[in-house]
Amino acid sequence: MWTPVDKHRKGIRLLDLDAGVGHSPLRGHLRHVFMDSLLKPEYETISYVWGDTALVEKCLVGDKSIPIPASAGSALRCMRLPDAIRTLWIDCICIDQSNDREKGHQVGLMADIFQSSRRTLAHLGDNDDDTAERAFDGLATVCDAWLESARDKQMPDGTYGRIEDRKIQDWSSLRETIDLLAIKAIMAKPYFK
């Protein structure tokens, strides 16, 4: 299934993840690329928490069904596109996890792999409600207000963040406009530990 990567040319594998929605099966194909090539490969990396290794699911890669951590399955479902292939690098599939020599070599390339990607997609965990959106809206609001107050040396009267109807007169009204429990829930996720 995993043909050897070329260690002399900084060879890696990328996953071309098939389009899909919801809980439809995960499918894709691996391909070899070279990080030292003149024509740099275009891909995105996924950062996630492996979580409980006893919780696994399957991903069909080529014609082989491989076990991956359930958290990786969740990340791939969240990141895949509904109508197009998405090219990703994710460790549990792009590295042959049964080959310790390869794992050691690929881990040595990890900084290059992440730095060379178009962007890194961070999967904090499942978000069945809008907790993440509320948390990050709240953090953006606090940051905007803090930056403004640092410049003017006082809490400004204004609207901050992406929610236009939240008027802020002072720090206590700021606390009333953000969802502190959502921020606390996000920060308690294993990704941040």
N, C-alpha and C. Protein backbone atom coordinates (compact mmCIF):
# COMPACT_ATOMS: atom_id res chain seq x y z
N MET A 1 0.84 -1.20 0.00
CA MET A 1 0.00 0.00 0.00
C MET A 1 0.87 1.25 0.00
N TRP A 2 1.80 1.35 0.97
CA TRP A 2 2.71 2.50 1.01
C TRP A 2 3.99 2.12 0.28
N THR A 3 4.18 2.65 -0.91
CA THR A 3 5.45 2.43 -1.58
C THR A 3 6.47 3.36 -0.93
N PRO A 4 7.73 2.94 -0.86
CA PRO A 4 8.73 3.73 -0.13
C PRO A 4 8.86 5.16 -0.66
N VAL A 5 9.09 6.09 0.26
CA VAL A 5 9.36 7.48 -0.14
C VAL A 5 10.85 7.62 -0.42
N ASP A 6 11.19 8.52 -1.30
CA ASP A 6 12.58 8.77 -1.63
C ASP A 6 13.18 9.67 -0.56
N LYS A 7 14.03 9.09 0.28
CA LYS A 7 14.61 9.83 1.40
C LYS A 7 15.69 10.80 0.96
N HIS A 8 16.27 10.58 -0.20
CA HIS A 8 17.35 11.45 -0.68
C HIS A 8 16.81 12.74 -1.30
N ARG A 9 15.55 12.73 -1.72
CA ARG A 9 14.96 13.91 -2.37
C ARG A 9 13.84 14.52 -1.54
N LYS A 10 13.82 14.29 -0.26
CA LYS A 10 12.75 14.80 0.60
C LYS A 10 11.37 14.40 0.06
N GLY A 11 11.23 13.12 -0.19
CA GLY A 11 9.97 12.61 -0.69
C GLY A 11 8.94 12.50 0.43
N ILE A 12 7.72 12.88 0.11
CA ILE A 12 6.59 12.71 1.03
C ILE A 12 5.39 12.22 0.22
N ARG A 13 4.37 11.82 0.93
CA ARG A 13 3.11 11.44 0.30
C ARG A 13 2.07 12.51 0.61
N LEU A 14 1.19 12.75 -0.35
CA LEU A 14 0.05 13.63 -0.13
C LEU A 14 -1.22 12.82 -0.35
N LEU A 15 -2.26 13.20 0.35
CA LEU A 15 -3.56 12.56 0.21
C LEU A 15 -4.46 13.45 -0.62
N ASP A 16 -4.91 12.94 -1.74
CA ASP A 16 -5.95 13.62 -2.51
C ASP A 16 -7.27 13.08 -2.00
N LEU A 17 -7.89 13.84 -1.10
CA LEU A 17 -9.12 13.41 -0.44
C LEU A 17 -10.32 13.70 -1.33
N ASP A 18 -11.08 12.65 -1.61
CA ASP A 18 -12.26 12.80 -2.46
C ASP A 18 -13.31 13.69 -1.80
N ALA A 19 -14.11 14.30 -2.62
CA ALA A 19 -15.22 15.13 -2.13
C ALA A 19 -16.20 14.27 -1.34
N GLY A 20 -16.89 14.90 -0.42
CA GLY A 20 -17.89 14.20 0.36
C GLY A 20 -18.52 15.13 1.36
N VAL A 21 -19.63 14.68 1.91
CA VAL A 21 -20.33 15.47 2.92
C VAL A 21 -20.76 14.57 4.07
N GLY A 22 -20.94 15.20 5.23
CA GLY A 22 -21.46 14.49 6.39
C GLY A 22 -20.64 13.26 6.74
N HIS A 23 -21.35 12.19 6.99
CA HIS A 23 -20.69 10.95 7.43
C HIS A 23 -20.47 9.96 6.29
N SER A 24 -20.48 10.45 5.04
CA SER A 24 -20.17 9.55 3.93
C SER A 24 -18.74 9.04 4.09
N PRO A 25 -18.44 7.86 3.54
CA PRO A 25 -17.12 7.27 3.73
C PRO A 25 -15.99 8.18 3.27
N LEU A 26 -14.87 8.07 3.95
CA LEU A 26 -13.66 8.81 3.58
C LEU A 26 -12.93 8.01 2.51
N ARG A 27 -12.58 8.68 1.42
CA ARG A 27 -11.87 8.03 0.32
C ARG A 27 -10.86 8.99 -0.26
N GLY A 28 -9.77 8.42 -0.74
CA GLY A 28 -8.75 9.26 -1.38
C GLY A 28 -7.65 8.42 -1.98
N HIS A 29 -6.66 9.10 -2.49
CA HIS A 29 -5.51 8.44 -3.11
C HIS A 29 -4.24 9.11 -2.63
N LEU A 30 -3.20 8.31 -2.46
CA LEU A 30 -1.89 8.84 -2.09
C LEU A 30 -1.06 9.06 -3.34
N ARG A 31 -0.25 10.09 -3.30
CA ARG A 31 0.72 10.30 -4.37
C ARG A 31 2.01 10.83 -3.77
N HIS A 32 3.09 10.50 -4.42
CA HIS A 32 4.42 10.92 -3.97
C HIS A 32 4.76 12.26 -4.60
N VAL A 33 5.36 13.12 -3.79
CA VAL A 33 5.88 14.41 -4.27
C VAL A 33 7.25 14.63 -3.63
N PHE A 34 7.96 15.59 -4.17
CA PHE A 34 9.29 15.91 -3.65
C PHE A 34 9.31 17.35 -3.17
N MET A 35 9.71 17.54 -1.93
CA MET A 35 9.73 18.88 -1.37
C MET A 35 10.90 19.69 -1.91
N ASP A 36 11.90 19.04 -2.49
CA ASP A 36 13.03 19.78 -3.03
C ASP A 36 12.90 20.01 -4.54
N SER A 37 11.71 19.78 -5.07
CA SER A 37 11.44 19.96 -6.49
C SER A 37 11.34 21.45 -6.82
N LEU A 38 11.70 21.82 -8.05
CA LEU A 38 11.53 23.21 -8.47
C LEU A 38 10.06 23.61 -8.50
N LEU A 39 9.22 22.68 -8.89
CA LEU A 39 7.78 22.92 -8.89
C LEU A 39 7.23 22.39 -7.57
N LYS A 40 7.03 23.28 -6.61
CA LYS A 40 6.61 22.89 -5.26
C LYS A 40 5.19 22.33 -5.28
N PRO A 41 4.96 21.25 -4.56
CA PRO A 41 3.61 20.70 -4.50
C PRO A 41 2.68 21.63 -3.72
N GLU A 42 1.42 21.70 -4.14
CA GLU A 42 0.41 22.51 -3.45
C GLU A 42 -0.42 21.59 -2.57
N TYR A 43 -0.47 21.90 -1.28
CA TYR A 43 -1.23 21.09 -0.34
C TYR A 43 -1.46 21.89 0.93
N GLU A 44 -2.34 21.36 1.77
CA GLU A 44 -2.59 21.92 3.08
C GLU A 44 -2.28 20.85 4.11
N THR A 45 -1.81 21.25 5.27
CA THR A 45 -1.56 20.30 6.34
C THR A 45 -2.72 20.36 7.33
N ILE A 46 -2.91 19.26 8.05
CA ILE A 46 -3.93 19.21 9.09
C ILE A 46 -3.23 18.98 10.42
N SER A 47 -3.55 19.83 11.38
CA SER A 47 -3.09 19.68 12.76
C SER A 47 -4.29 19.25 13.59
N TYR A 48 -4.14 18.19 14.35
CA TYR A 48 -5.24 17.65 15.15
C TYR A 48 -4.64 16.87 16.32
N VAL A 49 -5.47 16.43 17.22
CA VAL A 49 -5.04 15.60 18.34
C VAL A 49 -5.41 14.15 18.02
N TRP A 50 -4.43 13.25 18.15
CA TRP A 50 -4.71 11.83 17.86
C TRP A 50 -5.81 11.29 18.76
N GLY A 51 -5.79 11.66 20.02
CA GLY A 51 -6.82 11.19 20.94
C GLY A 51 -6.65 9.73 21.30
N ASP A 52 -7.73 9.11 21.71
CA ASP A 52 -7.75 7.72 22.14
C ASP A 52 -7.45 6.81 20.95
N THR A 53 -6.31 6.13 20.98
CA THR A 53 -5.91 5.28 19.85
C THR A 53 -6.77 4.03 19.72
N ALA A 54 -7.57 3.73 20.74
CA ALA A 54 -8.48 2.59 20.63
C ALA A 54 -9.68 2.93 19.76
N LEU A 55 -9.96 4.22 19.60
CA LEU A 55 -11.08 4.65 18.77
C LEU A 55 -10.57 4.86 17.35
N VAL A 56 -10.96 3.95 16.46
CA VAL A 56 -10.49 4.02 15.09
C VAL A 56 -11.65 3.96 14.12
N GLU A 57 -11.40 4.41 12.93
CA GLU A 57 -12.33 4.24 11.83
C GLU A 57 -11.52 3.96 10.58
N LYS A 58 -12.17 3.77 9.48
CA LYS A 58 -11.49 3.38 8.25
C LYS A 58 -11.52 4.51 7.22
N CYS A 59 -10.46 4.56 6.44
CA CYS A 59 -10.39 5.46 5.29
C CYS A 59 -9.95 4.60 4.10
N LEU A 60 -10.68 4.67 3.02
CA LEU A 60 -10.34 3.92 1.82
C LEU A 60 -9.30 4.73 1.03
N VAL A 61 -8.08 4.22 1.01
CA VAL A 61 -6.98 4.89 0.30
C VAL A 61 -6.61 4.00 -0.86
N GLY A 62 -6.87 4.48 -2.07
CA GLY A 62 -6.71 3.62 -3.24
C GLY A 62 -7.73 2.50 -3.12
N ASP A 63 -7.26 1.26 -3.12
CA ASP A 63 -8.18 0.14 -2.95
C ASP A 63 -8.03 -0.54 -1.59
N LYS A 64 -7.31 0.11 -0.67
CA LYS A 64 -7.09 -0.46 0.67
C LYS A 64 -7.82 0.36 1.73
N SER A 65 -8.42 -0.35 2.65
CA SER A 65 -9.08 0.29 3.79
C SER A 65 -8.08 0.32 4.94
N ILE A 66 -7.72 1.52 5.40
CA ILE A 66 -6.73 1.61 6.47
C ILE A 66 -7.36 2.19 7.72
N PRO A 67 -6.91 1.70 8.89
CA PRO A 67 -7.43 2.26 10.14
C PRO A 67 -6.74 3.60 10.45
N ILE A 68 -7.54 4.56 10.87
CA ILE A 68 -7.01 5.86 11.29
C ILE A 68 -7.68 6.23 12.61
N PRO A 69 -7.04 7.08 13.41
CA PRO A 69 -7.69 7.52 14.65
C PRO A 69 -9.03 8.17 14.34
N ALA A 70 -10.00 7.94 15.20
CA ALA A 70 -11.33 8.55 15.01
C ALA A 70 -11.22 10.07 14.92
N SER A 71 -10.29 10.65 15.67
CA SER A 71 -10.12 12.10 15.63
C SER A 71 -9.63 12.56 14.25
N ALA A 72 -8.81 11.75 13.59
CA ALA A 72 -8.36 12.08 12.23
C ALA A 72 -9.53 11.97 11.26
N GLY A 73 -10.37 10.96 11.45
CA GLY A 73 -11.56 10.83 10.62
C GLY A 73 -12.46 12.05 10.76
N SER A 74 -12.62 12.52 11.98
CA SER A 74 -13.43 13.72 12.23
C SER A 74 -12.80 14.93 11.55
N ALA A 75 -11.47 15.06 11.64
CA ALA A 75 -10.78 16.18 11.01
C ALA A 75 -10.95 16.14 9.49
N LEU A 76 -10.78 14.96 8.90
CA LEU A 76 -10.92 14.83 7.45
C LEU A 76 -12.33 15.13 6.98
N ARG A 77 -13.33 14.69 7.74
CA ARG A 77 -14.72 14.99 7.37
C ARG A 77 -14.99 16.49 7.42
N CYS A 78 -14.41 17.12 8.42
CA CYS A 78 -14.60 18.57 8.58
C CYS A 78 -13.89 19.33 7.46
N MET A 79 -12.73 18.86 7.03
CA MET A 79 -11.91 19.60 6.08
C MET A 79 -12.20 19.27 4.61
N ARG A 80 -12.81 18.12 4.34
CA ARG A 80 -13.01 17.77 2.94
C ARG A 80 -14.04 18.71 2.30
N LEU A 81 -13.90 18.85 1.02
CA LEU A 81 -14.78 19.73 0.27
C LEU A 81 -15.99 18.93 -0.23
N PRO A 82 -17.15 19.58 -0.38
CA PRO A 82 -18.33 18.84 -0.81
C PRO A 82 -18.33 18.50 -2.30
N ASP A 83 -17.54 19.22 -3.10
CA ASP A 83 -17.64 19.03 -4.55
C ASP A 83 -16.30 19.02 -5.29
N ALA A 84 -15.21 18.85 -4.56
CA ALA A 84 -13.90 18.84 -5.21
C ALA A 84 -12.90 18.06 -4.36
N ILE A 85 -11.86 17.58 -5.00
CA ILE A 85 -10.77 16.90 -4.29
C ILE A 85 -9.98 17.96 -3.53
N ARG A 86 -9.54 17.61 -2.33
CA ARG A 86 -8.68 18.51 -1.54
C ARG A 86 -7.39 17.78 -1.25
N THR A 87 -6.27 18.41 -1.53
CA THR A 87 -4.96 17.80 -1.33
C THR A 87 -4.44 18.18 0.05
N LEU A 88 -4.18 17.15 0.85
CA LEU A 88 -3.82 17.33 2.25
C LEU A 88 -2.60 16.49 2.61
N TRP A 89 -1.94 16.92 3.67
CA TRP A 89 -0.95 16.09 4.32
C TRP A 89 -1.44 15.89 5.74
N ILE A 90 -1.66 14.63 6.10
CA ILE A 90 -2.07 14.27 7.45
C ILE A 90 -1.24 13.06 7.85
N ASP A 91 -0.61 13.15 9.01
CA ASP A 91 0.40 12.16 9.40
C ASP A 91 -0.09 10.72 9.42
N CYS A 92 -1.29 10.48 9.91
CA CYS A 92 -1.74 9.09 10.10
C CYS A 92 -1.96 8.35 8.79
N ILE A 93 -2.05 9.07 7.67
CA ILE A 93 -2.24 8.44 6.37
C ILE A 93 -1.00 8.62 5.49
N CYS A 94 -0.41 9.79 5.52
CA CYS A 94 0.71 10.08 4.63
C CYS A 94 2.03 9.46 5.09
N ILE A 95 2.09 9.02 6.32
CA ILE A 95 3.27 8.31 6.83
C ILE A 95 2.85 6.87 7.11
N ASP A 96 3.63 5.91 6.66
CA ASP A 96 3.38 4.50 6.96
C ASP A 96 3.62 4.29 8.46
N GLN A 97 2.55 4.21 9.22
CA GLN A 97 2.65 4.13 10.67
C GLN A 97 3.22 2.80 11.16
N SER A 98 3.31 1.81 10.28
CA SER A 98 3.88 0.52 10.69
C SER A 98 5.38 0.45 10.42
N ASN A 99 5.97 1.49 9.86
CA ASN A 99 7.37 1.50 9.48
C ASN A 99 8.11 2.54 10.33
N ASP A 100 8.79 2.07 11.38
CA ASP A 100 9.47 2.98 12.31
C ASP A 100 10.58 3.79 11.64
N ARG A 101 11.29 3.19 10.69
CA ARG A 101 12.35 3.95 10.00
C ARG A 101 11.76 5.10 9.20
N GLU A 102 10.67 4.80 8.51
CA GLU A 102 10.03 5.86 7.74
C GLU A 102 9.46 6.94 8.67
N LYS A 103 8.85 6.51 9.75
CA LYS A 103 8.30 7.49 10.69
C LYS A 103 9.40 8.43 11.17
N GLY A 104 10.55 7.88 11.53
CA GLY A 104 11.66 8.71 11.99
C GLY A 104 12.11 9.71 10.93
N HIS A 105 12.21 9.23 9.69
CA HIS A 105 12.62 10.10 8.58
C HIS A 105 11.58 11.20 8.34
N GLN A 106 10.32 10.84 8.29
CA GLN A 106 9.26 11.81 8.01
C GLN A 106 9.08 12.82 9.15
N VAL A 107 9.25 12.37 10.38
CA VAL A 107 9.18 13.30 11.51
C VAL A 107 10.29 14.34 11.38
N GLY A 108 11.45 13.93 10.87
CA GLY A 108 12.54 14.87 10.64
C GLY A 108 12.21 15.93 9.59
N LEU A 109 11.27 15.63 8.71
CA LEU A 109 10.84 16.58 7.68
C LEU A 109 9.63 17.41 8.10
N MET A 110 9.11 17.14 9.29
CA MET A 110 7.83 17.74 9.70
C MET A 110 7.83 19.27 9.61
N ALA A 111 8.89 19.93 10.06
CA ALA A 111 8.92 21.39 9.99
C ALA A 111 8.83 21.84 8.53
N ASP A 112 9.58 21.18 7.63
CA ASP A 112 9.50 21.53 6.21
C ASP A 112 8.12 21.27 5.64
N ILE A 113 7.52 20.15 6.04
CA ILE A 113 6.19 19.79 5.53
C ILE A 113 5.18 20.87 5.89
N PHE A 114 5.19 21.31 7.14
CA PHE A 114 4.22 22.32 7.57
C PHE A 114 4.55 23.69 6.98
N GLN A 115 5.83 24.05 6.92
CA GLN A 115 6.20 25.37 6.39
C GLN A 115 5.94 25.48 4.89
N SER A 116 6.01 24.37 4.19
CA SER A 116 5.83 24.40 2.73
C SER A 116 4.36 24.32 2.32
N SER A 117 3.49 24.04 3.24
CA SER A 117 2.07 23.93 2.88
C SER A 117 1.47 25.32 2.65
N ARG A 118 0.38 25.34 1.88
CA ARG A 118 -0.32 26.62 1.65
C ARG A 118 -0.84 27.19 2.95
N ARG A 119 -1.34 26.30 3.79
CA ARG A 119 -1.83 26.69 5.12
C ARG A 119 -2.01 25.44 5.95
N THR A 120 -2.07 25.65 7.26
CA THR A 120 -2.35 24.54 8.18
C THR A 120 -3.76 24.71 8.71
N LEU A 121 -4.52 23.64 8.60
CA LEU A 121 -5.89 23.61 9.07
C LEU A 121 -5.89 22.96 10.45
N ALA A 122 -6.30 23.69 11.46
CA ALA A 122 -6.32 23.15 12.83
C ALA A 122 -7.71 22.61 13.13
N HIS A 123 -7.75 21.34 13.49
CA HIS A 123 -9.01 20.72 13.88
C HIS A 123 -9.02 20.60 15.40
N LEU A 124 -9.85 21.42 16.04
CA LEU A 124 -9.90 21.46 17.49
C LEU A 124 -10.75 20.34 18.07
N GLY A 125 -11.54 19.70 17.26
CA GLY A 125 -12.45 18.65 17.70
C GLY A 125 -13.83 18.91 17.11
N ASP A 126 -14.73 18.00 17.36
CA ASP A 126 -16.08 18.15 16.83
C ASP A 126 -16.75 19.39 17.41
N ASN A 127 -17.57 20.02 16.59
CA ASN A 127 -18.28 21.24 16.98
C ASN A 127 -19.72 21.09 16.51
N ASP A 128 -20.50 20.32 17.27
CA ASP A 128 -21.87 20.04 16.87
C ASP A 128 -22.79 21.25 17.02
N ASP A 129 -22.40 22.17 17.87
CA ASP A 129 -23.18 23.40 18.00
C ASP A 129 -22.29 24.55 17.51
N ASP A 130 -22.61 25.75 17.86
CA ASP A 130 -21.80 26.88 17.38
C ASP A 130 -20.84 27.39 18.46
N THR A 131 -20.39 26.50 19.36
CA THR A 131 -19.50 26.90 20.44
C THR A 131 -18.23 27.55 19.90
N ALA A 132 -17.61 26.95 18.90
CA ALA A 132 -16.35 27.49 18.37
C ALA A 132 -16.58 28.88 17.79
N GLU A 133 -17.65 29.05 17.04
CA GLU A 133 -17.92 30.37 16.45
C GLU A 133 -18.15 31.41 17.55
N ARG A 134 -18.93 31.04 18.57
CA ARG A 134 -19.18 31.99 19.67
C ARG A 134 -17.88 32.31 20.41
N ALA A 135 -17.04 31.31 20.62
CA ALA A 135 -15.78 31.52 21.33
C ALA A 135 -14.86 32.45 20.54
N PHE A 136 -14.68 32.18 19.25
CA PHE A 136 -13.76 33.00 18.47
C PHE A 136 -14.33 34.39 18.19
N ASP A 137 -15.65 34.52 18.09
CA ASP A 137 -16.25 35.86 18.01
C ASP A 137 -15.95 36.63 19.29
N GLY A 138 -16.09 35.96 20.43
CA GLY A 138 -15.81 36.61 21.71
C GLY A 138 -14.36 37.02 21.83
N LEU A 139 -13.45 36.14 21.42
CA LEU A 139 -12.02 36.47 21.48
C LEU A 139 -11.69 37.64 20.55
N ALA A 140 -12.28 37.67 19.36
CA ALA A 140 -12.05 38.78 18.44
C ALA A 140 -12.57 40.08 19.05
N THR A 141 -13.72 40.02 19.70
CA THR A 141 -14.29 41.21 20.34
C THR A 141 -13.37 41.73 21.43
N VAL A 142 -12.88 40.83 22.29
CA VAL A 142 -11.98 41.24 23.37
C VAL A 142 -10.70 41.84 22.80
N CYS A 143 -10.13 41.19 21.78
CA CYS A 143 -8.88 41.71 21.19
C CYS A 143 -9.10 43.08 20.58
N ASP A 144 -10.17 43.26 19.83
CA ASP A 144 -10.45 44.57 19.23
C ASP A 144 -10.59 45.64 20.30
N ALA A 145 -11.36 45.35 21.34
CA ALA A 145 -11.58 46.33 22.41
C ALA A 145 -10.28 46.62 23.16
N TRP A 146 -9.51 45.59 23.41
CA TRP A 146 -8.25 45.76 24.14
C TRP A 146 -7.28 46.63 23.34
N LEU A 147 -7.15 46.34 22.05
CA LEU A 147 -6.25 47.14 21.21
C LEU A 147 -6.69 48.60 21.15
N GLU A 148 -7.98 48.82 21.04
CA GLU A 148 -8.51 50.18 21.00
C GLU A 148 -8.27 50.89 22.33
N SER A 149 -8.48 50.18 23.45
CA SER A 149 -8.30 50.81 24.76
C SER A 149 -6.83 51.10 25.03
N ALA A 150 -5.93 50.27 24.52
CA ALA A 150 -4.51 50.51 24.72
C ALA A 150 -4.06 51.78 24.00
N ARG A 151 -4.69 52.03 22.85
CA ARG A 151 -4.33 53.21 22.08
C ARG A 151 -4.89 54.48 22.74
N ASP A 152 -6.13 54.42 23.22
CA ASP A 152 -6.79 55.60 23.79
C ASP A 152 -6.69 55.68 25.31
N LYS A 153 -6.07 54.68 25.93
CA LYS A 153 -5.89 54.61 27.39
C LYS A 153 -7.21 54.56 28.16
N GLN A 154 -8.29 54.21 27.50
CA GLN A 154 -9.57 54.03 28.18
C GLN A 154 -10.43 53.07 27.36
N MET A 155 -11.44 52.52 28.00
CA MET A 155 -12.34 51.61 27.28
C MET A 155 -13.19 52.44 26.34
N PRO A 156 -13.05 52.22 25.05
CA PRO A 156 -13.82 53.03 24.11
C PRO A 156 -15.28 52.61 24.04
N ASP A 157 -16.09 53.56 23.68
CA ASP A 157 -17.50 53.32 23.45
C ASP A 157 -17.64 52.95 21.98
N GLY A 158 -18.05 51.75 21.69
CA GLY A 158 -18.15 51.37 20.29
C GLY A 158 -18.62 49.95 20.10
N THR A 159 -18.51 49.50 18.89
CA THR A 159 -18.92 48.16 18.51
C THR A 159 -17.68 47.40 18.08
N TYR A 160 -17.55 46.16 18.57
CA TYR A 160 -16.35 45.38 18.29
C TYR A 160 -16.73 43.98 17.83
N GLY A 161 -15.80 43.35 17.17
CA GLY A 161 -16.03 41.99 16.70
C GLY A 161 -16.91 42.00 15.47
N ARG A 162 -17.42 40.82 15.13
CA ARG A 162 -18.21 40.68 13.90
C ARG A 162 -19.69 40.87 14.13
N ILE A 163 -20.11 41.04 15.38
CA ILE A 163 -21.54 41.17 15.66
C ILE A 163 -21.85 42.65 15.87
N GLU A 164 -22.51 43.23 14.90
CA GLU A 164 -22.70 44.68 14.84
C GLU A 164 -23.59 45.24 15.95
N ASP A 165 -24.51 44.44 16.48
CA ASP A 165 -25.45 45.01 17.45
C ASP A 165 -24.94 44.95 18.89
N ARG A 166 -23.68 44.63 19.09
CA ARG A 166 -23.12 44.57 20.44
C ARG A 166 -22.44 45.90 20.75
N LYS A 167 -23.11 46.73 21.51
CA LYS A 167 -22.57 48.04 21.90
C LYS A 167 -21.83 47.87 23.22
N ILE A 168 -20.64 48.46 23.31
CA ILE A 168 -19.82 48.31 24.50
C ILE A 168 -19.52 49.69 25.07
N GLN A 169 -19.87 49.86 26.33
CA GLN A 169 -19.57 51.13 26.98
C GLN A 169 -18.39 51.02 27.93
N ASP A 170 -18.21 49.87 28.58
CA ASP A 170 -17.13 49.70 29.54
C ASP A 170 -16.78 48.22 29.61
N TRP A 171 -15.77 47.87 30.43
CA TRP A 171 -15.33 46.48 30.49
C TRP A 171 -16.42 45.55 30.99
N SER A 172 -17.27 45.99 31.90
CA SER A 172 -18.33 45.09 32.38
C SER A 172 -19.34 44.83 31.27
N SER A 173 -19.62 45.82 30.43
CA SER A 173 -20.54 45.55 29.32
C SER A 173 -19.88 44.64 28.28
N LEU A 174 -18.55 44.69 28.19
CA LEU A 174 -17.84 43.78 27.31
C LEU A 174 -18.06 42.34 27.76
N ARG A 175 -17.96 42.10 29.07
CA ARG A 175 -18.18 40.74 29.60
C ARG A 175 -19.57 40.24 29.27
N GLU A 176 -20.54 41.14 29.22
CA GLU A 176 -21.91 40.73 28.92
C GLU A 176 -22.12 40.41 27.45
N THR A 177 -21.22 40.90 26.58
CA THR A 177 -21.42 40.70 25.15
C THR A 177 -20.72 39.47 24.60
N ILE A 178 -19.85 38.86 25.39
CA ILE A 178 -19.14 37.68 24.89
C ILE A 178 -19.55 36.44 25.69
N ASP A 179 -19.38 35.30 25.07
CA ASP A 179 -19.76 34.04 25.69
C ASP A 179 -18.51 33.42 26.34
N LEU A 180 -18.30 33.76 27.61
CA LEU A 180 -17.12 33.26 28.32
C LEU A 180 -17.12 31.74 28.43
N LEU A 181 -18.30 31.14 28.57
CA LEU A 181 -18.37 29.68 28.67
C LEU A 181 -17.94 29.01 27.36
N ALA A 182 -18.25 29.63 26.24
CA ALA A 182 -17.81 29.08 24.95
C ALA A 182 -16.29 29.16 24.84
N ILE A 183 -15.72 30.29 25.26
CA ILE A 183 -14.26 30.44 25.23
C ILE A 183 -13.62 29.40 26.15
N LYS A 184 -14.18 29.23 27.33
CA LYS A 184 -13.65 28.25 28.27
C LYS A 184 -13.74 26.84 27.69
N ALA A 185 -14.85 26.52 27.03
CA ALA A 185 -15.03 25.18 26.44
C ALA A 185 -14.00 24.92 25.34
N ILE A 186 -13.74 25.92 24.51
CA ILE A 186 -12.75 25.75 23.44
C ILE A 186 -11.36 25.57 24.02
N MET A 187 -11.02 26.39 25.01
CA MET A 187 -9.68 26.32 25.59
C MET A 187 -9.47 25.03 26.39
N ALA A 188 -10.55 24.36 26.79
CA ALA A 188 -10.43 23.10 27.52
C ALA A 188 -10.28 21.89 26.60
N LYS A 189 -10.36 22.11 25.29
CA LYS A 189 -10.23 20.99 24.36
C LYS A 189 -8.82 20.39 24.41
N PRO A 190 -8.69 19.10 24.17
CA PRO A 190 -7.38 18.44 24.21
C PRO A 190 -6.35 19.09 23.28
N TYR A 191 -6.77 19.73 22.22
CA TYR A 191 -5.85 20.38 21.27
C TYR A 191 -4.94 21.37 21.99
N PHE A 192 -5.44 22.03 23.01
CA PHE A 192 -4.68 23.07 23.71
C PHE A 192 -3.93 22.55 24.92
N LYS A 193 -3.95 21.25 25.15
CA LYS A 193 -3.26 20.70 26.31
C LYS A 193 -1.94 20.10 25.94
